C-alpha atoms as a PDB file:
ATOM      1  CA  MET A   1     100.344  97.648  86.467  1.00  0.00           C
ATOM      2  CA  LEU A   2     100.666  96.244  89.967  1.00  0.00           C
ATOM      3  CA  CYS A   3     104.457  96.342  90.182  1.00  0.00           C
ATOM      4  CA  GLY A   4     104.997  99.596  88.285  1.00  0.00           C
ATOM      5  CA  GLN A   5     107.776 100.537  85.900  1.00  0.00           C
ATOM      6  CA  PHE A   6     111.006  98.866  87.039  1.00  0.00           C
ATOM      7  CA  ASP A   7     109.024  97.597  90.071  1.00  0.00           C
ATOM      8  CA  GLU A   8     108.781 101.160  91.465  1.00  0.00           C
ATOM      9  CA  HIS A   9     105.538 100.362  93.289  1.00  0.00           C
ATOM     10  CA  LEU A  10     107.101  97.396  95.061  1.00  0.00           C
ATOM     11  CA  ARG A  11     110.103  99.513  96.042  1.00  0.00           C
ATOM     12  CA  GLN A  12     107.760 102.172  97.441  1.00  0.00           C
ATOM     13  CA  ILE A  13     105.952  99.603  99.596  1.00  0.00           C
ATOM     14  CA  GLU A  14     109.267  98.105 100.715  1.00  0.00           C
ATOM     15  CA  LEU A  15     110.555 101.500 101.846  1.00  0.00           C
ATOM     16  CA  ARG A  16     107.352 102.348 103.715  1.00  0.00           C
ATOM     17  CA  LEU A  17     106.908  98.981 105.469  1.00  0.00           C
ATOM     18  CA  GLY A  18     110.514  97.902 105.876  1.00  0.00           C
ATOM     19  CA  VAL A  19     110.116  94.583 104.035  1.00  0.00           C
ATOM     20  CA  LYS A  20     111.735  92.945 101.012  1.00  0.00           C
ATOM     21  CA  ILE A  21     109.400  91.905  98.167  1.00  0.00           C
ATOM     22  CA  LYS A  22     110.444  89.429  95.491  1.00  0.00           C
ATOM     23  CA  ASN A  23     108.241  88.201  92.689  1.00  0.00           C
ATOM     24  CA  ARG A  24     108.423  85.810  89.789  1.00  0.00           C
ATOM     25  CA  GLY A  25     105.353  86.267  87.627  1.00  0.00           C
ATOM     26  CA  ASN A  26     102.271  86.160  89.831  1.00  0.00           C
ATOM     27  CA  ARG A  27     104.055  84.599  92.823  1.00  0.00           C
ATOM     28  CA  PHE A  28     105.237  87.010  95.544  1.00  0.00           C
ATOM     29  CA  GLN A  29     107.554  86.455  98.475  1.00  0.00           C
ATOM     30  CA  PHE A  30     107.743  88.825 101.455  1.00  0.00           C
ATOM     31  CA  ASP A  31     110.803  88.897 103.707  1.00  0.00           C
ATOM     32  CA  GLY A  32     110.588  90.719 107.033  1.00  0.00           C
ATOM     33  CA  ILE A  33     109.118  90.419 110.487  1.00  0.00           C
ATOM     34  CA  GLU A  34     105.825  88.559 110.441  1.00  0.00           C
ATOM     35  CA  GLU A  35     103.558  91.555 111.100  1.00  0.00           C
ATOM     36  CA  THR A  36     104.906  93.723 108.278  1.00  0.00           C
ATOM     37  CA  ALA A  37     105.264  90.804 105.858  1.00  0.00           C
ATOM     38  CA  ASN A  38     101.598  89.924 106.363  1.00  0.00           C
ATOM     39  CA  THR A  39     100.614  93.573 105.977  1.00  0.00           C
ATOM     40  CA  ALA A  40     102.521  93.799 102.687  1.00  0.00           C
ATOM     41  CA  SER A  41     100.810  90.618 101.484  1.00  0.00           C
ATOM     42  CA  VAL A  42      97.350  92.001 102.272  1.00  0.00           C
ATOM     43  CA  LEU A  43      98.219  95.299 100.590  1.00  0.00           C
ATOM     44  CA  ILE A  44      99.543  93.671  97.411  1.00  0.00           C
ATOM     45  CA  ASP A  45      96.377  91.574  97.169  1.00  0.00           C
ATOM     46  CA  ALA A  46      94.180  94.671  97.579  1.00  0.00           C
ATOM     47  CA  LEU A  47      96.205  96.635  95.006  1.00  0.00           C
ATOM     48  CA  TYR A  48      95.934  93.791  92.526  1.00  0.00           C
ATOM     49  CA  LYS A  49      92.150  93.918  92.830  1.00  0.00           C
ATOM     50  CA  GLU A  50      92.330  97.688  92.364  1.00  0.00           C
ATOM     51  CA  THR A  51      94.010  97.267  88.973  1.00  0.00           C
ATOM     52  CA  ALA A  52      90.714  95.906  87.652  1.00  0.00           C
ATOM     53  CA  ASN A  53      89.143  99.344  88.245  1.00  0.00           C
ATOM     54  CA  ASN A  54      92.043 101.655  87.349  1.00  0.00           C
ATOM     55  CA  SER A  55      93.745 102.033  83.999  1.00  0.00           C
ATOM     56  CA  GLU A  56      97.003 102.802  85.791  1.00  0.00           C
ATOM     57  CA  LEU A  57      98.414 102.726  89.300  1.00  0.00           C
ATOM     58  CA  THR A  58     100.734 105.631  90.095  1.00  0.00           C
ATOM     59  CA  PRO A  59     103.062 106.263  93.051  1.00  0.00           C
ATOM     60  CA  GLU A  60     100.384 108.685  94.293  1.00  0.00           C
ATOM     61  CA  HIS A  61      97.830 105.841  94.233  1.00  0.00           C
ATOM     62  CA  ILE A  62     100.192 103.625  96.234  1.00  0.00           C
ATOM     63  CA  HIS A  63     100.832 106.362  98.816  1.00  0.00           C
ATOM     64  CA  LEU A  64      97.116 107.076  99.264  1.00  0.00           C
ATOM     65  CA  TYR A  65      96.370 103.362  99.520  1.00  0.00           C
ATOM     66  CA  LEU A  66      99.003 103.022 102.236  1.00  0.00           C
ATOM     67  CA  GLN A  67      97.408 105.942 104.076  1.00  0.00           C
ATOM     68  CA  GLU A  68      93.774 104.853 103.811  1.00  0.00           C
ATOM     69  CA  ALA A  69      94.592 101.274 104.762  1.00  0.00           C
ATOM     70  CA  ASN A  70      95.450 102.605 108.256  1.00  0.00           C
ATOM     71  CA  LEU A  71      98.649 100.602 108.320  1.00  0.00           C
ATOM     72  CA  SER A  72      99.619 101.667 111.816  1.00  0.00           C
ATOM     73  CA  GLU A  73      96.624  99.708 113.114  1.00  0.00           C
ATOM     74  CA  LEU A  74      96.961  96.826 110.670  1.00  0.00           C
ATOM     75  CA  MET A  75     100.571  96.180 111.555  1.00  0.00           C
ATOM     76  CA  LYS A  76      99.947  95.653 115.284  1.00  0.00           C
ATOM     77  CA  PRO A  77      97.915  92.423 115.459  1.00  0.00           C
ATOM     78  CA  LEU A  78      98.402  90.974 111.995  1.00  0.00           C
ATOM     79  CA  ASN A  79     100.457  88.003 113.112  1.00  0.00           C
ATOM     80  CA  HIS A  80      97.658  86.866 115.411  1.00  0.00           C
ATOM     81  CA  GLN A  81      94.599  87.734 113.330  1.00  0.00           C
ATOM     82  CA  PRO A  82      95.547  87.826 109.662  1.00  0.00           C
ATOM     83  CA  ALA A  83      92.118  86.842 108.404  1.00  0.00           C
ATOM     84  CA  GLU A  84      90.334  89.496 110.446  1.00  0.00           C
ATOM     85  CA  ASN A  85      92.683  92.247 109.309  1.00  0.00           C
ATOM     86  CA  THR A  86      92.325  91.195 105.691  1.00  0.00           C
ATOM     87  CA  ASP A  87      88.579  91.553 106.097  1.00  0.00           C
ATOM     88  CA  ASN A  88      89.006  94.944 107.743  1.00  0.00           C
ATOM     89  CA  LEU A  89      91.129  96.181 104.855  1.00  0.00           C
ATOM     90  CA  SER A  90      88.611  94.906 102.313  1.00  0.00           C
ATOM     91  CA  GLN A  91      85.751  96.528 104.201  1.00  0.00           C
ATOM     92  CA  HIS A  92      87.710  99.760 104.447  1.00  0.00           C
ATOM     93  CA  GLN A  93      88.404  99.827 100.708  1.00  0.00           C
ATOM     94  CA  ALA A  94      84.763  99.118  99.889  1.00  0.00           C
ATOM     95  CA  THR A  95      83.650 101.958 102.138  1.00  0.00           C
ATOM     96  CA  ALA A  96      86.251 104.358 100.760  1.00  0.00           C
ATOM     97  CA  SER A  97      85.269 103.622  97.164  1.00  0.00           C
ATOM     98  CA  SER A  98      81.598 104.321  97.899  1.00  0.00           C
ATOM     99  CA  THR A  99      82.185 107.574  99.835  1.00  0.00           C
ATOM    100  CA  GLY A 100      83.171 110.627  97.888  1.00  0.00           C
ATOM    101  CA  VAL A 101      82.003 113.736  96.069  1.00  0.00           C
ATOM    102  CA  GLN A 102      80.787 113.742  92.469  1.00  0.00           C
ATOM    103  CA  THR A 103      81.229 116.906  90.422  1.00  0.00           C
ATOM    104  CA  ARG A 104      80.671 117.241  86.684  1.00  0.00           C
ATOM    105  CA  ARG A 105      84.361 117.141  85.879  1.00  0.00           C
ATOM    106  CA  LYS A 106      85.621 114.510  88.326  1.00  0.00           C
ATOM    107  CA  TYR A 107      84.892 112.200  91.239  1.00  0.00           C
ATOM    108  CA  ILE A 108      86.707 113.037  94.473  1.00  0.00           C
ATOM    109  CA  GLN A 109      87.142 109.941  96.635  1.00  0.00           C
ATOM    110  CA  ALA A 110      87.468 110.162 100.399  1.00  0.00           C
ATOM    111  CA  ARG A 111      90.758 108.807 101.728  1.00  0.00           C
ATOM    112  CA  GLY A 112      90.386 107.196 105.116  1.00  0.00           C
ATOM    113  CA  ALA A 113      87.781 107.268 107.862  1.00  0.00           C
ATOM    114  CA  ASN A 114      88.312 110.904 108.871  1.00  0.00           C
ATOM    115  CA  GLN A 115      87.747 112.206 105.346  1.00  0.00           C
ATOM    116  CA  GLN A 116      84.625 110.044 105.056  1.00  0.00           C
ATOM    117  CA  ASN A 117      83.318 111.415 108.367  1.00  0.00           C
ATOM    118  CA  TYR A 118      84.156 114.952 107.240  1.00  0.00           C
ATOM    119  CA  ILE A 119      82.135 114.628 104.025  1.00  0.00           C
ATOM    120  CA  SER A 120      79.212 113.045 105.865  1.00  0.00           C
ATOM    121  CA  ALA A 121      79.249 115.829 108.453  1.00  0.00           C
ATOM    122  CA  ILE A 122      79.270 118.543 105.776  1.00  0.00           C
ATOM    123  CA  ARG A 123      76.273 116.953 104.063  1.00  0.00           C
ATOM    124  CA  SER A 124      74.260 116.526 107.255  1.00  0.00           C
ATOM    125  CA  SER A 125      75.116 119.585 109.391  1.00  0.00           C
ATOM    126  CA  ASP A 126      74.785 123.327 108.855  1.00  0.00           C
ATOM    127  CA  ILE A 127      78.131 124.298 110.408  1.00  0.00           C
ATOM    128  CA  ASN A 128      81.200 122.059 110.185  1.00  0.00           C
ATOM    129  CA  PHE A 129      84.738 122.429 111.476  1.00  0.00           C
ATOM    130  CA  GLY A 130      87.694 120.594 109.945  1.00  0.00           C
ATOM    131  CA  ILE A 131      90.716 120.879 112.230  1.00  0.00           C
ATOM    132  CA  GLY A 132      94.116 119.330 111.629  1.00  0.00           C
ATOM    133  CA  PRO A 133      97.548 119.580 110.018  1.00  0.00           C
ATOM    134  CA  ALA A 134      98.354 120.620 106.473  1.00  0.00           C
ATOM    135  CA  GLY A 135      97.787 118.111 103.697  1.00  0.00           C
ATOM    136  CA  THR A 136      94.791 116.289 105.193  1.00  0.00           C
ATOM    137  CA  GLY A 137      92.286 117.471 102.577  1.00  0.00           C
ATOM    138  CA  LYS A 138      90.254 119.859 104.747  1.00  0.00           C
ATOM    139  CA  THR A 139      89.988 122.670 102.201  1.00  0.00           C
ATOM    140  CA  TRP A 140      90.001 120.420  99.122  1.00  0.00           C
ATOM    141  CA  LEU A 141      87.023 118.375 100.308  1.00  0.00           C
ATOM    142  CA  ALA A 142      85.157 121.491 101.457  1.00  0.00           C
ATOM    143  CA  VAL A 143      85.472 122.999  97.976  1.00  0.00           C
ATOM    144  CA  ALA A 144      84.397 119.677  96.417  1.00  0.00           C
ATOM    145  CA  CYS A 145      81.256 119.591  98.581  1.00  0.00           C
ATOM    146  CA  ALA A 146      80.548 123.230  97.690  1.00  0.00           C
ATOM    147  CA  VAL A 147      80.816 122.546  93.952  1.00  0.00           C
ATOM    148  CA  GLU A 148      78.605 119.456  94.304  1.00  0.00           C
ATOM    149  CA  ALA A 149      75.954 121.471  96.183  1.00  0.00           C
ATOM    150  CA  LEU A 150      76.022 124.262  93.570  1.00  0.00           C
ATOM    151  CA  GLU A 151      75.784 121.878  90.615  1.00  0.00           C
ATOM    152  CA  GLN A 152      72.865 120.060  92.261  1.00  0.00           C
ATOM    153  CA  ASN A 153      71.108 123.419  92.892  1.00  0.00           C
ATOM    154  CA  ARG A 154      71.098 122.901  96.660  1.00  0.00           C
ATOM    155  CA  VAL A 155      72.689 126.343  97.077  1.00  0.00           C
ATOM    156  CA  ASP A 156      72.651 129.474  94.936  1.00  0.00           C
ATOM    157  CA  ARG A 157      76.244 130.543  95.398  1.00  0.00           C
ATOM    158  CA  ILE A 158      79.638 129.762  96.923  1.00  0.00           C
ATOM    159  CA  LEU A 159      81.497 132.193  99.169  1.00  0.00           C
ATOM    160  CA  LEU A 160      85.219 131.800  99.814  1.00  0.00           C
ATOM    161  CA  VAL A 161      86.419 133.625 102.910  1.00  0.00           C
ATOM    162  CA  ARG A 162      89.861 133.883 104.455  1.00  0.00           C
ATOM    163  CA  PRO A 163      91.515 136.180 106.998  1.00  0.00           C
ATOM    164  CA  ALA A 164      94.190 138.348 105.356  1.00  0.00           C
ATOM    165  CA  VAL A 165      97.025 137.449 107.718  1.00  0.00           C
ATOM    166  CA  GLU A 166     100.599 137.059 106.452  1.00  0.00           C
ATOM    167  CA  ALA A 167     102.502 133.953 107.500  1.00  0.00           C
ATOM    168  CA  GLY A 168     105.185 135.784 109.456  1.00  0.00           C
ATOM    169  CA  GLU A 169     106.016 138.197 106.621  1.00  0.00           C
ATOM    170  CA  LYS A 170     105.031 141.763 105.836  1.00  0.00           C
ATOM    171  CA  LEU A 171     103.968 141.874 102.195  1.00  0.00           C
ATOM    172  CA  GLY A 172     103.346 145.616 102.099  1.00  0.00           C
ATOM    173  CA  PHE A 173     100.970 147.309  99.672  1.00  0.00           C
ATOM    174  CA  LEU A 174      99.255 145.015  97.167  1.00  0.00           C
ATOM    175  CA  PRO A 175      98.055 146.653  93.907  1.00  0.00           C
ATOM    176  CA  GLY A 176      94.709 146.077  92.203  1.00  0.00           C
ATOM    177  CA  ASP A 177      91.057 145.911  93.176  1.00  0.00           C
ATOM    178  CA  LEU A 178      89.719 144.039  96.208  1.00  0.00           C
ATOM    179  CA  ALA A 179      89.667 140.616  94.491  1.00  0.00           C
ATOM    180  CA  GLN A 180      93.224 141.074  93.206  1.00  0.00           C
ATOM    181  CA  LYS A 181      94.484 142.152  96.639  1.00  0.00           C
ATOM    182  CA  ILE A 182      93.226 139.008  98.376  1.00  0.00           C
ATOM    183  CA  ASP A 183      93.928 136.611  95.475  1.00  0.00           C
ATOM    184  CA  PRO A 184      97.257 135.480  96.999  1.00  0.00           C
ATOM    185  CA  TYR A 185      95.482 134.468 100.212  1.00  0.00           C
ATOM    186  CA  LEU A 186      92.779 132.489  98.368  1.00  0.00           C
ATOM    187  CA  ARG A 187      94.995 130.721  95.844  1.00  0.00           C
ATOM    188  CA  PRO A 188      94.487 127.204  97.332  1.00  0.00           C
ATOM    189  CA  LEU A 189      90.715 127.652  97.017  1.00  0.00           C
ATOM    190  CA  TYR A 190      91.027 128.865  93.437  1.00  0.00           C
ATOM    191  CA  ASP A 191      93.233 125.917  92.506  1.00  0.00           C
ATOM    192  CA  ALA A 192      90.637 123.471  93.815  1.00  0.00           C
ATOM    193  CA  LEU A 193      87.807 125.255  91.979  1.00  0.00           C
ATOM    194  CA  TYR A 194      89.752 125.306  88.705  1.00  0.00           C
ATOM    195  CA  GLU A 195      90.382 121.577  88.860  1.00  0.00           C
ATOM    196  CA  MET A 196      86.773 120.716  89.682  1.00  0.00           C
ATOM    197  CA  MET A 197      84.968 123.202  87.419  1.00  0.00           C
ATOM    198  CA  GLY A 198      87.484 124.497  84.883  1.00  0.00           C
ATOM    199  CA  VAL A 199      89.046 127.963  84.639  1.00  0.00           C
ATOM    200  CA  ASP A 200      86.492 129.339  82.155  1.00  0.00           C
ATOM    201  CA  GLN A 201      83.486 128.187  84.163  1.00  0.00           C
ATOM    202  CA  VAL A 202      84.889 129.576  87.411  1.00  0.00           C
ATOM    203  CA  GLY A 203      85.553 132.918  85.683  1.00  0.00           C
ATOM    204  CA  LYS A 204      81.974 133.144  84.406  1.00  0.00           C
ATOM    205  CA  LEU A 205      80.508 132.269  87.809  1.00  0.00           C
ATOM    206  CA  MET A 206      82.686 134.875  89.510  1.00  0.00           C
ATOM    207  CA  GLU A 207      81.526 137.539  87.057  1.00  0.00           C
ATOM    208  CA  ARG A 208      77.913 136.735  88.028  1.00  0.00           C
ATOM    209  CA  ASN A 209      78.838 136.623  91.750  1.00  0.00           C
ATOM    210  CA  THR A 210      77.722 132.997  91.912  1.00  0.00           C
ATOM    211  CA  ILE A 211      81.206 132.431  93.281  1.00  0.00           C
ATOM    212  CA  GLU A 212      82.325 135.253  95.545  1.00  0.00           C
ATOM    213  CA  VAL A 213      85.597 135.858  97.341  1.00  0.00           C
ATOM    214  CA  ALA A 214      85.729 138.074 100.390  1.00  0.00           C
ATOM    215  CA  PRO A 215      88.206 138.910 103.145  1.00  0.00           C
ATOM    216  CA  LEU A 216      86.857 137.997 106.550  1.00  0.00           C
ATOM    217  CA  ALA A 217      86.887 141.638 107.705  1.00  0.00           C
ATOM    218  CA  PHE A 218      84.264 142.513 105.055  1.00  0.00           C
ATOM    219  CA  MET A 219      81.691 139.961 106.252  1.00  0.00           C
ATOM    220  CA  ARG A 220      80.250 142.026 109.101  1.00  0.00           C
ATOM    221  CA  GLY A 221      76.618 143.001 108.656  1.00  0.00           C
ATOM    222  CA  ARG A 222      75.849 140.453 105.959  1.00  0.00           C
ATOM    223  CA  THR A 223      73.249 137.664 106.067  1.00  0.00           C
ATOM    224  CA  LEU A 224      74.115 134.737 103.804  1.00  0.00           C
ATOM    225  CA  ASN A 225      71.085 132.709 102.692  1.00  0.00           C
ATOM    226  CA  ASN A 226      71.168 129.646 100.381  1.00  0.00           C
ATOM    227  CA  SER A 227      74.943 129.758 100.260  1.00  0.00           C
ATOM    228  CA  PHE A 228      77.880 127.412 100.761  1.00  0.00           C
ATOM    229  CA  ILE A 229      80.446 129.340 102.770  1.00  0.00           C
ATOM    230  CA  ILE A 230      84.047 128.197 103.286  1.00  0.00           C
ATOM    231  CA  LEU A 231      86.292 129.905 105.831  1.00  0.00           C
ATOM    232  CA  ASP A 232      89.861 128.764 105.226  1.00  0.00           C
ATOM    233  CA  GLU A 233      92.881 129.255 107.516  1.00  0.00           C
ATOM    234  CA  SER A 234      90.464 129.826 110.394  1.00  0.00           C
ATOM    235  CA  GLN A 235      93.247 129.448 112.958  1.00  0.00           C
ATOM    236  CA  ASN A 236      94.141 133.056 112.061  1.00  0.00           C
ATOM    237  CA  THR A 237      90.797 134.463 113.208  1.00  0.00           C
ATOM    238  CA  THR A 238      90.383 136.195 116.529  1.00  0.00           C
ATOM    239  CA  ARG A 239      87.585 135.246 118.911  1.00  0.00           C
ATOM    240  CA  GLU A 240      85.584 138.264 117.775  1.00  0.00           C
ATOM    241  CA  GLN A 241      86.054 137.459 114.085  1.00  0.00           C
ATOM    242  CA  MET A 242      84.990 133.836 114.557  1.00  0.00           C
ATOM    243  CA  LYS A 243      81.802 134.879 116.371  1.00  0.00           C
ATOM    244  CA  MET A 244      81.079 137.465 113.679  1.00  0.00           C
ATOM    245  CA  PHE A 245      81.526 134.917 110.883  1.00  0.00           C
ATOM    246  CA  LEU A 246      79.374 132.225 112.481  1.00  0.00           C
ATOM    247  CA  THR A 247      76.511 134.663 113.017  1.00  0.00           C
ATOM    248  CA  ARG A 248      76.383 135.512 109.277  1.00  0.00           C
ATOM    249  CA  ILE A 249      74.812 132.127 108.443  1.00  0.00           C
ATOM    250  CA  GLY A 250      71.303 132.428 106.991  1.00  0.00           C
ATOM    251  CA  PHE A 251      68.551 130.020 105.958  1.00  0.00           C
ATOM    252  CA  GLY A 252      69.508 127.203 103.586  1.00  0.00           C
ATOM    253  CA  SER A 253      73.235 127.770 104.053  1.00  0.00           C
ATOM    254  CA  THR A 254      76.110 125.461 104.923  1.00  0.00           C
ATOM    255  CA  ALA A 255      79.367 126.685 106.434  1.00  0.00           C
ATOM    256  CA  VAL A 256      82.691 124.837 106.557  1.00  0.00           C
ATOM    257  CA  ILE A 257      85.474 126.218 108.722  1.00  0.00           C
ATOM    258  CA  ALA A 258      88.905 124.707 108.024  1.00  0.00           C
ATOM    259  CA  GLY A 259      92.047 125.373 110.000  1.00  0.00           C
ATOM    260  CA  ASP A 260      95.334 124.056 111.341  1.00  0.00           C
ATOM    261  CA  ASP A 261      95.585 124.716 115.067  1.00  0.00           C
ATOM    262  CA  THR A 262      99.376 124.219 114.978  1.00  0.00           C
ATOM    263  CA  GLN A 263     100.086 127.053 112.491  1.00  0.00           C
ATOM    264  CA  ILE A 264      98.697 130.245 114.017  1.00  0.00           C
ATOM    265  CA  ASP A 265     100.073 133.445 112.442  1.00  0.00           C
ATOM    266  CA  LEU A 266      98.170 135.972 114.553  1.00  0.00           C
ATOM    267  CA  PRO A 267     100.378 138.859 115.768  1.00  0.00           C
ATOM    268  CA  HIS A 268     101.219 139.414 119.425  1.00  0.00           C
ATOM    269  CA  ARG A 269     100.139 135.874 120.334  1.00  0.00           C
ATOM    270  CA  ARG A 270      96.432 136.772 120.297  1.00  0.00           C
ATOM    271  CA  ASP A 271      94.043 133.964 121.128  1.00  0.00           C
ATOM    272  CA  SER A 272      92.890 132.071 118.056  1.00  0.00           C
ATOM    273  CA  GLY A 273      89.156 131.951 117.421  1.00  0.00           C
ATOM    274  CA  LEU A 274      89.539 128.365 116.247  1.00  0.00           C
ATOM    275  CA  LEU A 275      91.017 127.231 119.560  1.00  0.00           C
ATOM    276  CA  HIS A 276      88.307 129.048 121.480  1.00  0.00           C
ATOM    277  CA  VAL A 277      85.273 128.055 119.416  1.00  0.00           C
ATOM    278  CA  GLU A 278      85.325 124.331 120.180  1.00  0.00           C
ATOM    279  CA  LYS A 279      85.193 124.999 123.905  1.00  0.00           C
ATOM    280  CA  VAL A 280      82.111 127.177 123.399  1.00  0.00           C
ATOM    281  CA  LEU A 281      80.192 125.242 120.725  1.00  0.00           C
ATOM    282  CA  LYS A 282      81.115 121.592 121.199  1.00  0.00           C
ATOM    283  CA  THR A 283      77.686 120.762 122.715  1.00  0.00           C
ATOM    284  CA  VAL A 284      75.587 122.816 120.266  1.00  0.00           C
ATOM    285  CA  ASP A 285      73.328 120.736 118.006  1.00  0.00           C
ATOM    286  CA  GLY A 286      73.894 121.099 114.259  1.00  0.00           C
ATOM    287  CA  ILE A 287      77.613 121.847 114.619  1.00  0.00           C
ATOM    288  CA  THR A 288      80.190 119.132 113.949  1.00  0.00           C
ATOM    289  CA  PHE A 289      83.948 118.950 114.555  1.00  0.00           C
ATOM    290  CA  THR A 290      86.213 116.639 112.544  1.00  0.00           C
ATOM    291  CA  HIS A 291      89.776 116.307 113.831  1.00  0.00           C
ATOM    292  CA  PHE A 292      92.490 115.174 111.422  1.00  0.00           C
ATOM    293  CA  LYS A 293      95.808 113.645 112.466  1.00  0.00           C
ATOM    294  CA  ALA A 294      99.241 113.272 110.900  1.00  0.00           C
ATOM    295  CA  THR A 295      98.229 109.813 109.645  1.00  0.00           C
ATOM    296  CA  ASP A 296      95.525 111.486 107.510  1.00  0.00           C
ATOM    297  CA  VAL A 297      98.048 113.460 105.441  1.00  0.00           C
ATOM    298  CA  VAL A 298      97.614 112.669 101.737  1.00  0.00           C
ATOM    299  CA  ARG A 299     100.523 114.684 100.374  1.00  0.00           C
ATOM    300  CA  HIS A 300     104.129 113.531 100.028  1.00  0.00           C
ATOM    301  CA  PRO A 301     105.039 111.027 102.800  1.00  0.00           C
ATOM    302  CA  MET A 302     107.601 113.529 104.096  1.00  0.00           C
ATOM    303  CA  VAL A 303     104.758 115.900 105.064  1.00  0.00           C
ATOM    304  CA  GLN A 304     103.445 113.348 107.546  1.00  0.00           C
ATOM    305  CA  ARG A 305     106.902 112.879 109.064  1.00  0.00           C
ATOM    306  CA  ILE A 306     107.379 116.660 109.337  1.00  0.00           C
ATOM    307  CA  VAL A 307     103.998 117.098 111.046  1.00  0.00           C
ATOM    308  CA  GLU A 308     104.795 114.281 113.488  1.00  0.00           C
ATOM    309  CA  ALA A 309     108.241 115.731 114.254  1.00  0.00           C
ATOM    310  CA  TYR A 310     106.824 119.174 115.075  1.00  0.00           C
ATOM    311  CA  ALA A 311     104.053 117.589 117.169  1.00  0.00           C
ATOM    312  CA  ALA A 312     106.655 115.633 119.142  1.00  0.00           C
ATOM    313  CA  GLU A 313     108.647 118.816 119.806  1.00  0.00           C
ATOM    314  CA  ASP A 314     105.526 120.689 120.941  1.00  0.00           C
ATOM    315  CA  LYS A 315     104.641 117.835 123.289  1.00  0.00           C
ATOM    316  CA  ALA A 316     108.161 117.787 124.736  1.00  0.00           C
ATOM    317  CA  LYS A 317     107.999 121.539 125.380  1.00  0.00           C
ATOM    318  CA  ALA A 318     104.596 121.205 127.044  1.00  0.00           C
ATOM    319  CA  ASP A 319     105.837 118.353 129.250  1.00  0.00           C
ATOM    320  CA  GLU A 320     108.924 120.353 130.206  1.00  0.00           C
ATOM    321  CA  LYS A 321     106.778 123.364 131.097  1.00  0.00           C
ATOM    322  CA  ASN A 322     104.412 121.254 133.208  1.00  0.00           C
ATOM    323  CA  ASN A 323     107.278 119.595 135.040  1.00  0.00           C
ATOM    324  CA  SER A 324     108.887 122.926 135.848  1.00  0.00           C
END
């Protein structure tokens, strides 16, 4: 279980850390510079302990473990403080395993400190912002918290809201009723709901309007009490739309606003409401901001590298502009 079929788990760790791992039975040898060899040793030990709790380790498990172990920090001082870093990794794993969201169908575990902080903020604050690159779990965890709140009767309904802005394409006329027209924009939210509640259950709840989908433009004038409201792709709101949405919140409601401030699709370079709102509300009590980074990406490892590459280009352009 630890090594994987044809040692695929060991090969995955080797590729990520730049070390060579050899094993004969339960004895492992790590070849590489001291920092990364020690990191690999700590990781293998932690994964071995994990096999006692999991029926199977998959490449996805290994990738997420590499992410949540915060390897960029572990690899710096390991040659000087191996014992301390081992303790830090163990503490981190214990915290991660105890922080998550429990729905009837599955348990969603937080991956890393930022996801843990995000879940804690959603549970303790009325309005929460999750800002960061794609693949960091902003929307997924928001939907999980919404389902948990609904199943525990802490809210009466879930509202899924998203601005209907195309990502650089003109899709033209979309047939069907209102729900069918905005379905393509809300597909990531639907996918998360289906996995956590089941297709049949989600369908029944939507028929009773316990789960409601709405384009952002149709929110004006409403007051949303005892609801869990998720605004996805919030980087594509204007300043006016963001203010309008935030002032819909009623008694007993929780709002989560998720967005990626590096992927703004607003036409004519209009100011994003997401970029503006933090400047205005950062000191307001009851509102929290969680910022995700490229190291928090829990998709394919290539996604993290792509996000970092684009961030580096943006920084170079900004530096060039400032220097000129």
